[in-house]
């Protein structure tokens, strides 16, 4: 669980309660949401566009869009997924404006390819949790930077922000089965990259 997630689950109003208050015009509630999400939103955007200065601008754009769209937010939904979807679309628009068409993850799986079987315990498949706080963390970071933007994003959503597969499907607009397939493929690619950088893939999957 990320520090931001722990913070959002602590005492005080939930994200959804703050969003409801902000949609009624409370600027204080929206400022609290910005404080809670500015780091994860920036991190997601930076992973996609790979430029901190651009990611900062896109983060501001994301929050402006969120403020304007709050009246359409359904408080029965998870606010983080709704906000990450805005950030996701904002980043893809920016890449297209720069002529860097991102790899589409909505391509169908190969004929007969089903969603992979996934571990019952999400922590068992988390390469970020395995590596954080150790020398391998630097290898992991370098390997992530070598991935295509769409793969970096989907891994960050799953293992950095700990979104469920259903929530990632909502953010990306992909079918649930496609999300599972692409997370599986992204993890395989990450393992190959880490192996090439000197950390055996089998350690990453431990």
Protein backbone atom coordinates (compact mmCIF):
# COMPACT_ATOMS: atom_id res chain seq x y z
CA UNK A 1 0.00 0.00 0.00
CA UNK A 2 1.45 3.37 -1.00
CA UNK A 3 1.90 6.19 1.55
CA UNK A 4 -0.71 8.19 -0.36
CA UNK A 5 -3.17 5.29 -0.10
CA UNK A 6 -2.57 4.99 3.63
CA UNK A 7 -3.09 8.73 3.99
CA UNK A 8 -6.36 8.60 2.08
CA UNK A 9 -7.56 5.74 4.28
CA UNK A 10 -6.75 7.56 7.50
CA UNK A 11 -9.03 9.73 9.62
CA UNK A 12 -11.10 12.45 8.03
CA UNK A 13 -13.43 12.51 5.06
CA UNK A 14 -13.04 10.02 2.25
CA UNK A 15 -11.98 11.07 -1.22
CA UNK A 16 -15.53 10.63 -2.40
CA UNK A 17 -16.93 12.79 0.42
CA UNK A 18 -14.44 15.52 -0.42
CA UNK A 19 -15.36 15.26 -4.10
CA UNK A 20 -19.04 15.64 -3.23
CA UNK A 21 -18.27 18.72 -1.13
CA UNK A 22 -16.08 20.15 -3.87
CA UNK A 23 -18.82 19.62 -6.44
CA UNK A 24 -21.04 21.76 -4.21
CA UNK A 25 -18.48 24.55 -4.46
CA UNK A 26 -16.10 23.88 -1.56
CA UNK A 27 -12.66 25.05 -2.67
CA UNK A 28 -11.18 23.81 0.62
CA UNK A 29 -12.39 20.28 -0.14
CA UNK A 30 -10.86 20.40 -3.60
CA UNK A 31 -7.56 21.70 -2.21
CA UNK A 32 -7.49 18.68 0.09
CA UNK A 33 -8.01 16.39 -2.88
CA UNK A 34 -5.17 18.09 -4.73
CA UNK A 35 -2.88 17.61 -1.73
CA UNK A 36 -3.80 13.95 -1.55
CA UNK A 37 -3.35 13.22 -5.23
CA UNK A 38 -0.76 15.64 -6.58
CA UNK A 39 2.11 13.19 -6.10
CA UNK A 40 0.46 10.08 -7.60
CA UNK A 41 -1.00 12.08 -10.49
CA UNK A 42 2.37 13.66 -11.25
CA UNK A 43 4.05 10.27 -10.96
CA UNK A 44 1.64 8.70 -13.41
CA UNK A 45 2.03 11.53 -15.91
CA UNK A 46 5.82 11.57 -15.60
CA UNK A 47 5.90 7.84 -16.34
CA UNK A 48 3.87 8.34 -19.49
CA UNK A 49 5.47 11.48 -20.97
CA UNK A 50 8.97 11.06 -19.45
CA UNK A 51 9.45 14.80 -18.96
CA UNK A 52 9.03 16.27 -15.50
CA UNK A 53 8.34 19.79 -16.75
CA UNK A 54 5.61 18.55 -19.09
CA UNK A 55 4.21 16.28 -16.37
CA UNK A 56 3.91 19.28 -14.03
CA UNK A 57 1.93 21.20 -16.65
CA UNK A 58 -0.26 18.18 -17.37
CA UNK A 59 -0.90 17.64 -13.67
CA UNK A 60 -2.20 21.20 -13.39
CA UNK A 61 -4.32 20.63 -16.49
CA UNK A 62 -5.67 17.40 -14.98
CA UNK A 63 -6.80 19.11 -11.79
CA UNK A 64 -8.37 21.99 -13.72
CA UNK A 65 -10.33 19.49 -15.80
CA UNK A 66 -11.32 17.59 -12.66
CA UNK A 67 -12.57 20.78 -10.98
CA UNK A 68 -14.68 21.68 -14.00
CA UNK A 69 -16.09 18.14 -14.29
CA UNK A 70 -16.80 17.51 -10.60
CA UNK A 71 -20.54 17.99 -10.96
CA UNK A 72 -20.53 14.94 -13.23
CA UNK A 73 -18.63 12.79 -10.73
CA UNK A 74 -20.68 9.92 -9.32
CA UNK A 75 -19.82 9.60 -5.59
CA UNK A 76 -20.65 5.91 -5.82
CA UNK A 77 -17.52 5.51 -7.94
CA UNK A 78 -13.95 5.57 -6.66
CA UNK A 79 -12.56 9.09 -6.98
CA UNK A 80 -8.99 7.97 -7.62
CA UNK A 81 -10.00 5.92 -10.67
CA UNK A 82 -12.02 8.85 -12.03
CA UNK A 83 -9.10 11.25 -11.54
CA UNK A 84 -6.52 8.88 -13.01
CA UNK A 85 -8.72 8.48 -16.07
CA UNK A 86 -8.61 12.25 -16.60
CA UNK A 87 -4.82 12.19 -16.17
CA UNK A 88 -4.50 9.23 -18.55
CA UNK A 89 -6.48 10.98 -21.29
CA UNK A 90 -4.64 14.25 -20.72
CA UNK A 91 -1.27 12.54 -21.13
CA UNK A 92 -2.31 10.71 -24.29
CA UNK A 93 -3.59 13.96 -25.81
CA UNK A 94 -0.25 15.62 -25.01
CA UNK A 95 1.72 12.80 -26.63
CA UNK A 96 -0.38 13.03 -29.77
CA UNK A 97 0.10 16.80 -29.94
CA UNK A 98 3.86 16.16 -29.82
CA UNK A 99 3.57 13.62 -32.61
CA UNK A 100 4.40 10.74 -30.27
CA UNK A 101 1.48 8.44 -30.85
CA UNK A 102 1.47 6.14 -27.82
CA UNK A 103 1.30 2.41 -28.18
CA UNK A 104 -2.32 1.40 -28.09
CA UNK A 105 -3.19 -1.19 -25.49
CA UNK A 106 -6.63 -1.76 -26.92
CA UNK A 107 -5.44 -4.19 -29.58
CA UNK A 108 -7.23 -7.50 -29.13
CA UNK A 109 -5.35 -10.48 -27.77
CA UNK A 110 -4.12 -13.04 -30.24
CA UNK A 111 -6.58 -15.67 -31.37
CA UNK A 112 -7.22 -18.08 -28.57
CA UNK A 113 -5.28 -16.00 -26.03
CA UNK A 114 -7.15 -15.85 -22.76
CA UNK A 115 -6.52 -13.67 -19.75
CA UNK A 116 -3.71 -15.26 -17.75
CA UNK A 117 -4.25 -16.93 -14.42
CA UNK A 118 -3.30 -14.49 -11.70
CA UNK A 119 -2.05 -15.14 -8.15
CA UNK A 120 -4.70 -15.10 -5.46
CA UNK A 121 -2.55 -12.80 -3.33
CA UNK A 122 -1.88 -9.52 -5.21
CA UNK A 123 1.32 -8.98 -3.19
CA UNK A 124 2.80 -12.14 -4.69
CA UNK A 125 2.84 -10.59 -8.17
CA UNK A 126 4.06 -7.14 -7.26
CA UNK A 127 7.56 -6.52 -8.69
CA UNK A 128 7.66 -3.04 -7.20
CA UNK A 129 7.08 -4.33 -3.67
CA UNK A 130 9.80 -6.94 -4.15
CA UNK A 131 12.41 -4.40 -5.17
CA UNK A 132 11.63 -1.28 -3.15
CA UNK A 133 14.19 -0.36 -0.51
CA UNK A 134 16.88 -2.61 -1.96
CA UNK A 135 19.69 -2.33 -4.48
CA UNK A 136 17.31 -3.91 -7.00
CA UNK A 137 15.18 -0.78 -6.81
CA UNK A 138 17.64 1.08 -9.01
CA UNK A 139 17.57 -1.74 -11.55
CA UNK A 140 13.78 -1.72 -11.45
CA UNK A 141 13.67 2.02 -12.05
CA UNK A 142 16.01 1.75 -15.01
CA UNK A 143 14.00 -1.13 -16.46
CA UNK A 144 10.74 0.78 -16.09
CA UNK A 145 12.20 3.72 -17.96
CA UNK A 146 12.97 1.43 -20.90
CA UNK A 147 9.38 0.24 -21.23
CA UNK A 148 6.96 1.77 -23.69
CA UNK A 149 4.80 4.47 -22.07
CA UNK A 150 1.60 2.42 -22.04
CA UNK A 151 3.31 -0.45 -20.24
CA UNK A 152 4.89 1.87 -17.68
CA UNK A 153 1.48 3.38 -17.00
CA UNK A 154 -0.37 0.11 -16.58
CA UNK A 155 2.29 -1.26 -14.21
CA UNK A 156 2.29 1.94 -12.16
CA UNK A 157 -1.49 1.86 -11.84
CA UNK A 158 -1.44 -1.78 -10.77
CA UNK A 159 1.64 -1.97 -8.57
CA UNK A 160 2.34 1.63 -7.63
CA UNK A 161 -1.18 2.89 -6.99
CA UNK A 162 -2.52 -0.63 -6.30
CA UNK A 163 -5.60 -0.22 -8.44
CA UNK A 164 -7.64 -3.32 -9.06
CA UNK A 165 -7.94 -4.78 -12.55
CA UNK A 166 -11.49 -3.44 -12.70
CA UNK A 167 -10.30 0.06 -11.78
CA UNK A 168 -7.54 -0.05 -14.40
CA UNK A 169 -10.14 -1.07 -16.96
CA UNK A 170 -12.15 2.00 -15.99
CA UNK A 171 -9.11 4.30 -16.25
CA UNK A 172 -7.90 2.94 -19.58
CA UNK A 173 -11.28 2.16 -21.15
CA UNK A 174 -10.14 -1.39 -21.93
CA UNK A 175 -12.07 -4.63 -21.39
CA UNK A 176 -11.15 -6.40 -18.15
CA UNK A 177 -9.68 -9.42 -19.93
CA UNK A 178 -7.50 -7.17 -22.08
CA UNK A 179 -6.21 -5.38 -18.99
CA UNK A 180 -5.14 -8.70 -17.47
CA UNK A 181 -3.41 -9.78 -20.66
CA UNK A 182 -1.51 -6.52 -21.00
CA UNK A 183 -0.44 -6.48 -17.35
CA UNK A 184 0.86 -10.00 -17.88
CA UNK A 185 2.76 -8.91 -21.00
CA UNK A 186 4.09 -5.76 -19.32
CA UNK A 187 5.43 -7.80 -16.40
CA UNK A 188 7.13 -10.20 -18.80
CA UNK A 189 8.75 -7.28 -20.61
CA UNK A 190 9.82 -5.74 -17.30
CA UNK A 191 11.37 -9.05 -16.25
CA UNK A 192 13.32 -9.24 -19.51
CA UNK A 193 14.54 -5.68 -19.10
CA UNK A 194 15.61 -6.31 -15.51
CA UNK A 195 17.42 -9.46 -16.57
CA UNK A 196 19.30 -7.54 -19.25
CA UNK A 197 20.32 -4.98 -16.63
CA UNK A 198 21.76 -7.63 -14.38
CA UNK A 199 18.89 -8.81 -12.21
CA UNK A 200 17.55 -12.27 -13.09
CA UNK A 201 13.85 -12.27 -14.01
CA UNK A 202 13.15 -15.16 -11.64
CA UNK A 203 14.14 -12.90 -8.72
CA UNK A 204 11.69 -10.24 -9.90
CA UNK A 205 8.87 -12.77 -9.85
CA UNK A 206 9.74 -14.18 -6.45
